[in-house]
């Protein structure tokens, strides 16, 4: 429908879904309400839906938004909605929602590993003496 409807913009507007059917990389493709998809996000009891709906299903085909349907109660029929597309187009980036009052860490171009792997079995992750390169046991810290 619209290239500006992204997963981040939907999460910024509605939060994370209560349930998900399928997945981004799910090879099983489904069809519902003439919408071809492989992942469906389900929202229930929405407080701030752009269309004022309580229930919403959002359909994705891989990363692409392919449609959404809403209803106001469990007895009502699902029907297509365009309000989410309009609202998502106003959300430019996930960063817009963050109050950024911290300065970024200065980039110094140096990366210092905490520990060196001893062999291909070793993944590192322990404390290592900077001078000798030997492991330091947690008990001696």
N, C-alpha and C. Protein backbone atom coordinates (compact mmCIF):
# COMPACT_ATOMS: atom_id res chain seq x y z
N UNK A 1 0.82 -1.19 0.00
CA UNK A 1 0.00 0.00 0.00
C UNK A 1 0.86 1.26 0.00
N UNK A 2 1.69 1.40 1.03
CA UNK A 2 2.50 2.60 1.11
C UNK A 2 3.90 2.22 1.59
N UNK A 3 4.94 2.70 0.90
CA UNK A 3 6.29 2.36 1.35
C UNK A 3 6.67 3.02 2.67
N UNK A 4 5.91 4.01 3.12
CA UNK A 4 6.24 4.70 4.36
C UNK A 4 5.70 4.00 5.61
N UNK A 5 4.90 2.97 5.44
CA UNK A 5 4.40 2.22 6.59
C UNK A 5 5.45 1.16 6.91
N UNK A 6 6.18 1.40 7.98
CA UNK A 6 7.23 0.47 8.38
C UNK A 6 6.85 -0.18 9.70
N UNK A 7 7.56 -1.23 10.03
CA UNK A 7 7.34 -1.89 11.31
C UNK A 7 7.60 -0.92 12.46
N UNK A 8 8.65 -0.11 12.32
CA UNK A 8 8.97 0.86 13.38
C UNK A 8 7.86 1.89 13.55
N UNK A 9 7.30 2.36 12.44
CA UNK A 9 6.25 3.37 12.56
C UNK A 9 5.00 2.78 13.21
N UNK A 10 4.68 1.53 12.91
CA UNK A 10 3.52 0.88 13.53
C UNK A 10 3.75 0.69 15.02
N UNK A 11 4.94 0.24 15.40
CA UNK A 11 5.25 0.05 16.82
C UNK A 11 5.26 1.39 17.54
N UNK A 12 5.74 2.44 16.88
CA UNK A 12 5.71 3.77 17.49
C UNK A 12 4.28 4.22 17.77
N UNK A 13 3.36 3.88 16.88
CA UNK A 13 1.96 4.28 17.05
C UNK A 13 1.18 3.39 18.00
N UNK A 14 1.35 2.07 17.87
CA UNK A 14 0.48 1.12 18.58
C UNK A 14 1.18 0.30 19.66
N UNK A 15 2.50 0.32 19.67
CA UNK A 15 3.23 -0.56 20.57
C UNK A 15 3.42 -1.92 19.93
N UNK A 16 3.93 -2.87 20.69
CA UNK A 16 4.12 -4.21 20.15
C UNK A 16 2.80 -4.97 20.17
N UNK A 17 2.59 -5.87 19.23
CA UNK A 17 1.31 -6.58 19.16
C UNK A 17 1.14 -7.58 20.31
N UNK A 18 -0.12 -7.87 20.63
CA UNK A 18 -0.41 -8.88 21.66
C UNK A 18 -0.11 -10.28 21.15
N UNK A 19 -0.28 -10.50 19.86
CA UNK A 19 -0.03 -11.82 19.27
C UNK A 19 0.49 -11.65 17.85
N UNK A 20 1.28 -12.62 17.42
CA UNK A 20 1.82 -12.63 16.06
C UNK A 20 1.59 -14.01 15.48
N UNK A 21 1.08 -14.06 14.26
CA UNK A 21 0.93 -15.32 13.54
C UNK A 21 1.88 -15.29 12.37
N UNK A 22 2.65 -16.36 12.19
CA UNK A 22 3.66 -16.39 11.15
C UNK A 22 4.86 -15.58 11.59
N UNK A 23 5.78 -15.33 10.65
CA UNK A 23 6.94 -14.51 10.97
C UNK A 23 7.50 -13.90 9.70
N UNK A 24 8.43 -13.01 9.90
CA UNK A 24 9.07 -12.31 8.80
C UNK A 24 9.63 -13.27 7.77
N UNK A 25 10.28 -14.33 8.22
CA UNK A 25 10.93 -15.28 7.32
C UNK A 25 10.13 -16.57 7.14
N UNK A 26 8.89 -16.55 7.55
CA UNK A 26 8.05 -17.74 7.42
C UNK A 26 7.76 -18.00 5.94
N UNK A 27 8.12 -19.17 5.43
CA UNK A 27 7.86 -19.44 4.02
C UNK A 27 6.39 -19.71 3.71
N UNK A 28 5.58 -19.96 4.75
CA UNK A 28 4.16 -20.24 4.54
C UNK A 28 3.43 -18.92 4.28
N UNK A 29 2.82 -18.84 3.12
CA UNK A 29 2.07 -17.64 2.78
C UNK A 29 0.59 -17.92 2.95
N UNK A 30 -0.13 -16.96 3.46
CA UNK A 30 -1.55 -17.11 3.77
C UNK A 30 -2.34 -16.02 3.07
N UNK A 31 -3.66 -16.17 3.10
CA UNK A 31 -4.52 -15.13 2.55
C UNK A 31 -5.75 -14.99 3.42
N UNK A 32 -6.09 -13.74 3.71
CA UNK A 32 -7.25 -13.43 4.54
C UNK A 32 -7.79 -12.08 4.07
N UNK A 33 -9.09 -11.98 3.88
CA UNK A 33 -9.71 -10.74 3.40
C UNK A 33 -9.07 -10.26 2.09
N UNK A 34 -8.70 -11.20 1.23
CA UNK A 34 -8.03 -10.90 -0.05
C UNK A 34 -6.67 -10.24 0.15
N UNK A 35 -6.08 -10.43 1.30
CA UNK A 35 -4.74 -9.90 1.59
C UNK A 35 -3.79 -11.09 1.65
N UNK A 36 -2.76 -11.07 0.81
CA UNK A 36 -1.76 -12.12 0.75
C UNK A 36 -0.62 -11.74 1.70
N UNK A 37 -0.30 -12.60 2.70
CA UNK A 37 0.68 -12.24 3.72
C UNK A 37 1.40 -13.47 4.26
N UNK A 38 2.48 -13.25 5.01
CA UNK A 38 3.12 -14.34 5.72
C UNK A 38 3.31 -14.03 7.21
N UNK A 39 2.92 -12.81 7.63
CA UNK A 39 2.98 -12.46 9.04
C UNK A 39 1.79 -11.55 9.38
N UNK A 40 1.18 -11.82 10.53
CA UNK A 40 0.01 -11.04 10.95
C UNK A 40 0.22 -10.60 12.39
N UNK A 41 0.10 -9.29 12.62
CA UNK A 41 0.16 -8.74 13.97
C UNK A 41 -1.26 -8.50 14.46
N UNK A 42 -1.55 -8.93 15.67
CA UNK A 42 -2.89 -8.81 16.23
C UNK A 42 -2.85 -7.91 17.47
N UNK A 43 -3.68 -6.89 17.44
CA UNK A 43 -3.80 -5.96 18.56
C UNK A 43 -5.20 -6.07 19.14
N UNK A 44 -5.30 -6.09 20.47
CA UNK A 44 -6.59 -6.14 21.16
C UNK A 44 -6.63 -5.06 22.23
N UNK A 45 -7.82 -4.50 22.44
CA UNK A 45 -8.02 -3.47 23.47
C UNK A 45 -7.07 -2.28 23.30
N UNK A 46 -7.01 -1.77 22.09
CA UNK A 46 -6.16 -0.62 21.81
C UNK A 46 -6.69 0.63 22.49
N UNK A 47 -5.80 1.40 23.06
CA UNK A 47 -6.20 2.64 23.72
C UNK A 47 -6.12 3.83 22.78
N UNK A 48 -5.13 3.84 21.90
CA UNK A 48 -4.92 4.99 21.03
C UNK A 48 -4.74 4.57 19.58
N UNK A 49 -5.73 3.95 19.02
CA UNK A 49 -5.68 3.56 17.62
C UNK A 49 -6.03 4.76 16.74
N UNK A 50 -5.36 4.97 15.61
CA UNK A 50 -5.67 6.12 14.75
C UNK A 50 -7.13 6.16 14.27
N UNK A 51 -7.76 5.00 14.14
CA UNK A 51 -9.16 4.95 13.71
C UNK A 51 -10.12 4.83 14.89
N UNK A 52 -9.59 4.79 16.10
CA UNK A 52 -10.43 4.65 17.28
C UNK A 52 -10.93 3.24 17.50
N UNK A 53 -10.33 2.26 16.82
CA UNK A 53 -10.76 0.86 16.92
C UNK A 53 -10.15 0.20 18.15
N UNK A 54 -10.82 -0.82 18.65
CA UNK A 54 -10.31 -1.59 19.77
C UNK A 54 -9.48 -2.78 19.32
N UNK A 55 -9.79 -3.31 18.14
CA UNK A 55 -9.10 -4.49 17.61
C UNK A 55 -8.54 -4.16 16.24
N UNK A 56 -7.30 -4.61 16.00
CA UNK A 56 -6.68 -4.36 14.70
C UNK A 56 -5.79 -5.55 14.36
N UNK A 57 -5.79 -5.92 13.08
CA UNK A 57 -4.86 -6.91 12.55
C UNK A 57 -4.07 -6.22 11.43
N UNK A 58 -2.76 -6.41 11.45
CA UNK A 58 -1.89 -5.81 10.45
C UNK A 58 -1.18 -6.94 9.72
N UNK A 59 -1.16 -6.86 8.40
CA UNK A 59 -0.61 -7.91 7.57
C UNK A 59 0.69 -7.44 6.91
N UNK A 60 1.70 -8.34 6.94
CA UNK A 60 3.01 -8.06 6.35
C UNK A 60 3.36 -9.18 5.39
N UNK A 61 4.01 -8.83 4.32
CA UNK A 61 4.63 -9.82 3.45
C UNK A 61 6.11 -9.51 3.46
N UNK A 62 6.84 -10.31 4.22
CA UNK A 62 8.24 -10.03 4.54
C UNK A 62 8.29 -8.68 5.28
N UNK A 63 9.02 -7.70 4.78
CA UNK A 63 9.10 -6.40 5.44
C UNK A 63 8.00 -5.45 5.00
N UNK A 64 7.27 -5.82 3.98
CA UNK A 64 6.31 -4.90 3.38
C UNK A 64 4.94 -4.96 4.04
N UNK A 65 4.40 -3.80 4.36
CA UNK A 65 3.04 -3.67 4.86
C UNK A 65 2.10 -3.94 3.69
N UNK A 66 1.13 -4.84 3.89
CA UNK A 66 0.21 -5.16 2.79
C UNK A 66 -1.25 -4.88 3.12
N UNK A 67 -1.57 -4.57 4.37
CA UNK A 67 -2.95 -4.22 4.69
C UNK A 67 -3.25 -4.30 6.17
N UNK A 68 -4.40 -3.75 6.54
CA UNK A 68 -4.84 -3.79 7.92
C UNK A 68 -6.37 -3.79 7.96
N UNK A 69 -6.91 -4.46 8.96
CA UNK A 69 -8.36 -4.48 9.18
C UNK A 69 -8.62 -4.16 10.65
N UNK A 70 -9.80 -3.60 10.92
CA UNK A 70 -10.16 -3.21 12.28
C UNK A 70 -11.58 -3.65 12.60
N UNK A 71 -11.89 -3.63 13.89
CA UNK A 71 -13.26 -3.77 14.38
C UNK A 71 -13.32 -3.20 15.78
N UNK A 72 -14.52 -2.83 16.20
CA UNK A 72 -14.67 -2.18 17.50
C UNK A 72 -15.08 -3.12 18.63
N UNK A 73 -15.55 -4.30 18.28
CA UNK A 73 -15.86 -5.30 19.30
C UNK A 73 -15.76 -6.68 18.67
N UNK A 74 -15.82 -7.70 19.50
CA UNK A 74 -15.63 -9.07 19.01
C UNK A 74 -16.75 -9.55 18.10
N UNK A 75 -17.92 -8.94 18.19
CA UNK A 75 -19.07 -9.37 17.37
C UNK A 75 -19.13 -8.66 16.02
N UNK A 76 -18.42 -7.56 15.88
CA UNK A 76 -18.44 -6.78 14.64
C UNK A 76 -17.59 -7.46 13.57
N UNK A 77 -17.97 -7.27 12.32
CA UNK A 77 -17.19 -7.79 11.20
C UNK A 77 -15.92 -6.96 11.01
N UNK A 78 -14.84 -7.61 10.59
CA UNK A 78 -13.61 -6.91 10.26
C UNK A 78 -13.83 -6.08 9.00
N UNK A 79 -13.23 -4.88 8.94
CA UNK A 79 -13.29 -4.08 7.71
C UNK A 79 -11.96 -3.34 7.52
N UNK A 80 -11.65 -3.04 6.27
CA UNK A 80 -10.38 -2.39 5.92
C UNK A 80 -10.31 -0.99 6.53
N UNK A 81 -9.08 -0.51 6.71
CA UNK A 81 -8.86 0.79 7.31
C UNK A 81 -7.70 1.50 6.61
N UNK A 82 -7.81 2.82 6.49
CA UNK A 82 -6.73 3.62 5.90
C UNK A 82 -6.13 4.60 6.91
N UNK A 83 -6.72 4.73 8.08
CA UNK A 83 -6.23 5.69 9.08
C UNK A 83 -4.83 5.34 9.57
N UNK A 84 -4.52 4.05 9.68
CA UNK A 84 -3.19 3.66 10.12
C UNK A 84 -2.13 4.11 9.12
N UNK A 85 -2.42 3.96 7.83
CA UNK A 85 -1.48 4.39 6.78
C UNK A 85 -1.23 5.89 6.90
N UNK A 86 -2.28 6.66 7.08
CA UNK A 86 -2.13 8.11 7.22
C UNK A 86 -1.29 8.47 8.45
N UNK A 87 -1.57 7.81 9.56
CA UNK A 87 -0.83 8.10 10.79
C UNK A 87 0.63 7.64 10.69
N UNK A 88 0.86 6.48 10.08
CA UNK A 88 2.23 5.97 9.95
C UNK A 88 3.06 6.85 9.04
N UNK A 89 2.43 7.49 8.06
CA UNK A 89 3.17 8.39 7.17
C UNK A 89 3.64 9.64 7.89
N UNK A 90 3.08 9.95 9.04
CA UNK A 90 3.54 11.12 9.80
C UNK A 90 4.69 10.77 10.73
N UNK A 91 4.89 9.48 10.97
CA UNK A 91 6.00 9.04 11.82
C UNK A 91 7.20 8.83 10.90
N UNK A 92 8.19 9.70 11.03
CA UNK A 92 9.32 9.65 10.11
C UNK A 92 10.38 8.66 10.53
N UNK A 93 10.58 8.51 11.79
CA UNK A 93 11.61 7.59 12.27
C UNK A 93 11.33 7.23 13.72
N UNK A 94 11.86 6.10 14.12
CA UNK A 94 11.68 5.67 15.49
C UNK A 94 12.37 6.65 16.43
N UNK A 95 13.43 7.27 15.99
CA UNK A 95 14.19 8.18 16.82
C UNK A 95 13.37 9.43 17.19
N UNK A 96 12.38 9.79 16.37
CA UNK A 96 11.55 10.95 16.68
C UNK A 96 10.84 10.81 18.02
N UNK A 97 10.60 9.59 18.45
CA UNK A 97 9.85 9.36 19.67
C UNK A 97 10.73 9.42 20.92
N UNK A 98 12.06 9.45 20.74
CA UNK A 98 12.99 9.39 21.86
C UNK A 98 13.41 10.80 22.26
N UNK A 99 13.32 11.08 23.55
CA UNK A 99 13.81 12.36 24.06
C UNK A 99 15.31 12.22 24.25
N UNK A 100 16.08 12.80 23.36
CA UNK A 100 17.53 12.63 23.35
C UNK A 100 18.20 13.78 24.09
N UNK A 101 18.50 13.57 25.36
CA UNK A 101 19.15 14.61 26.13
C UNK A 101 20.57 14.20 26.55
N UNK A 102 21.04 13.06 26.04
CA UNK A 102 22.40 12.61 26.34
C UNK A 102 23.30 12.87 25.14
N UNK A 103 24.53 13.29 25.42
CA UNK A 103 25.50 13.47 24.35
C UNK A 103 26.01 12.11 23.90
N UNK A 104 26.34 12.01 22.65
CA UNK A 104 26.89 10.76 22.12
C UNK A 104 28.31 10.56 22.64
N UNK A 105 28.72 9.30 22.76
CA UNK A 105 30.09 9.01 23.16
C UNK A 105 31.03 9.44 22.05
N UNK A 106 32.16 10.04 22.40
CA UNK A 106 33.09 10.46 21.35
C UNK A 106 33.68 9.24 20.64
N UNK A 107 33.83 9.33 19.35
CA UNK A 107 34.41 8.25 18.56
C UNK A 107 35.91 8.44 18.56
N UNK A 108 36.64 7.43 19.04
CA UNK A 108 38.09 7.56 19.09
C UNK A 108 38.80 6.65 18.10
N UNK A 109 38.06 5.81 17.38
CA UNK A 109 38.66 4.96 16.37
C UNK A 109 39.43 3.78 16.92
N UNK A 110 39.38 3.57 18.21
CA UNK A 110 40.11 2.45 18.81
C UNK A 110 39.12 1.44 19.37
N UNK A 111 39.42 0.17 19.16
CA UNK A 111 38.63 -0.90 19.75
C UNK A 111 39.57 -1.74 20.58
N UNK A 112 39.26 -1.91 21.85
CA UNK A 112 40.10 -2.68 22.75
C UNK A 112 39.30 -3.88 23.24
N UNK A 113 39.77 -5.06 22.87
CA UNK A 113 39.08 -6.27 23.31
C UNK A 113 39.30 -6.48 24.80
N UNK A 114 38.31 -7.05 25.46
CA UNK A 114 38.43 -7.35 26.88
C UNK A 114 39.28 -8.59 27.08
N UNK A 115 39.16 -9.57 26.19
CA UNK A 115 39.93 -10.80 26.32
C UNK A 115 40.22 -11.37 24.94
N UNK A 116 41.28 -12.14 24.84
CA UNK A 116 41.67 -12.79 23.59
C UNK A 116 41.28 -14.26 23.67
N UNK A 117 40.63 -14.80 22.65
CA UNK A 117 40.33 -16.23 22.64
C UNK A 117 41.63 -17.04 22.62
N UNK A 118 41.66 -18.15 23.38
CA UNK A 118 42.85 -18.99 23.42
C UNK A 118 42.92 -19.95 22.24
N UNK A 119 41.79 -20.47 21.79
CA UNK A 119 41.74 -21.35 20.62
C UNK A 119 40.34 -21.25 20.01
N UNK A 120 40.03 -22.10 19.03
CA UNK A 120 38.75 -21.98 18.34
C UNK A 120 37.56 -22.40 19.20
N UNK A 121 37.79 -23.11 20.29
CA UNK A 121 36.70 -23.48 21.21
C UNK A 121 36.33 -22.32 22.12
N UNK A 122 37.27 -21.43 22.34
CA UNK A 122 37.12 -20.36 23.32
C UNK A 122 36.43 -19.15 22.69
N UNK A 123 35.39 -18.65 23.32
CA UNK A 123 34.69 -17.47 22.83
C UNK A 123 35.09 -16.21 23.57
N UNK A 124 36.06 -16.31 24.47
CA UNK A 124 36.45 -15.13 25.25
C UNK A 124 35.41 -14.84 26.31
N UNK A 125 35.29 -13.58 26.72
CA UNK A 125 34.27 -13.19 27.68
C UNK A 125 34.72 -13.27 29.12
N UNK A 126 35.98 -13.47 29.36
CA UNK A 126 36.48 -13.51 30.72
C UNK A 126 37.42 -12.32 30.91
N UNK A 127 37.82 -12.07 32.15
CA UNK A 127 38.75 -10.98 32.45
C UNK A 127 40.16 -11.48 32.22
N UNK A 128 40.96 -10.64 31.58
CA UNK A 128 42.31 -11.04 31.23
C UNK A 128 43.30 -9.99 31.72
N UNK A 129 44.41 -10.44 32.28
CA UNK A 129 45.46 -9.52 32.74
C UNK A 129 46.05 -8.81 31.52
N UNK A 130 46.13 -7.49 31.58
CA UNK A 130 46.60 -6.72 30.43
C UNK A 130 48.07 -6.94 30.12
N UNK A 131 48.86 -7.23 31.12
CA UNK A 131 50.30 -7.38 30.92
C UNK A 131 50.64 -8.78 30.44
N UNK A 132 50.19 -9.79 31.18
CA UNK A 132 50.57 -11.17 30.86
C UNK A 132 49.62 -11.84 29.87
N UNK A 133 48.39 -11.38 29.77
CA UNK A 133 47.41 -12.01 28.90
C UNK A 133 46.76 -13.24 29.50
N UNK A 134 47.04 -13.50 30.79
CA UNK A 134 46.45 -14.68 31.44
C UNK A 134 45.08 -14.35 32.00
N UNK A 135 44.27 -15.39 32.11
CA UNK A 135 42.94 -15.24 32.69
C UNK A 135 43.03 -14.89 34.17
N UNK A 136 42.09 -14.07 34.59
CA UNK A 136 41.98 -13.77 36.02
C UNK A 136 40.70 -14.42 36.52
N UNK A 137 40.84 -15.28 37.51
CA UNK A 137 39.67 -15.98 38.05
C UNK A 137 38.77 -14.98 38.77
N UNK A 138 37.47 -15.24 38.73
CA UNK A 138 36.50 -14.36 39.41
C UNK A 138 36.75 -14.34 40.91
N UNK A 139 37.27 -15.43 41.45
CA UNK A 139 37.50 -15.50 42.90
C UNK A 139 38.58 -14.53 43.34
N UNK A 140 39.52 -14.18 42.45
CA UNK A 140 40.60 -13.28 42.83
C UNK A 140 40.27 -11.82 42.59
N UNK A 141 39.12 -11.55 41.99
CA UNK A 141 38.74 -10.15 41.71
C UNK A 141 38.32 -9.44 42.94
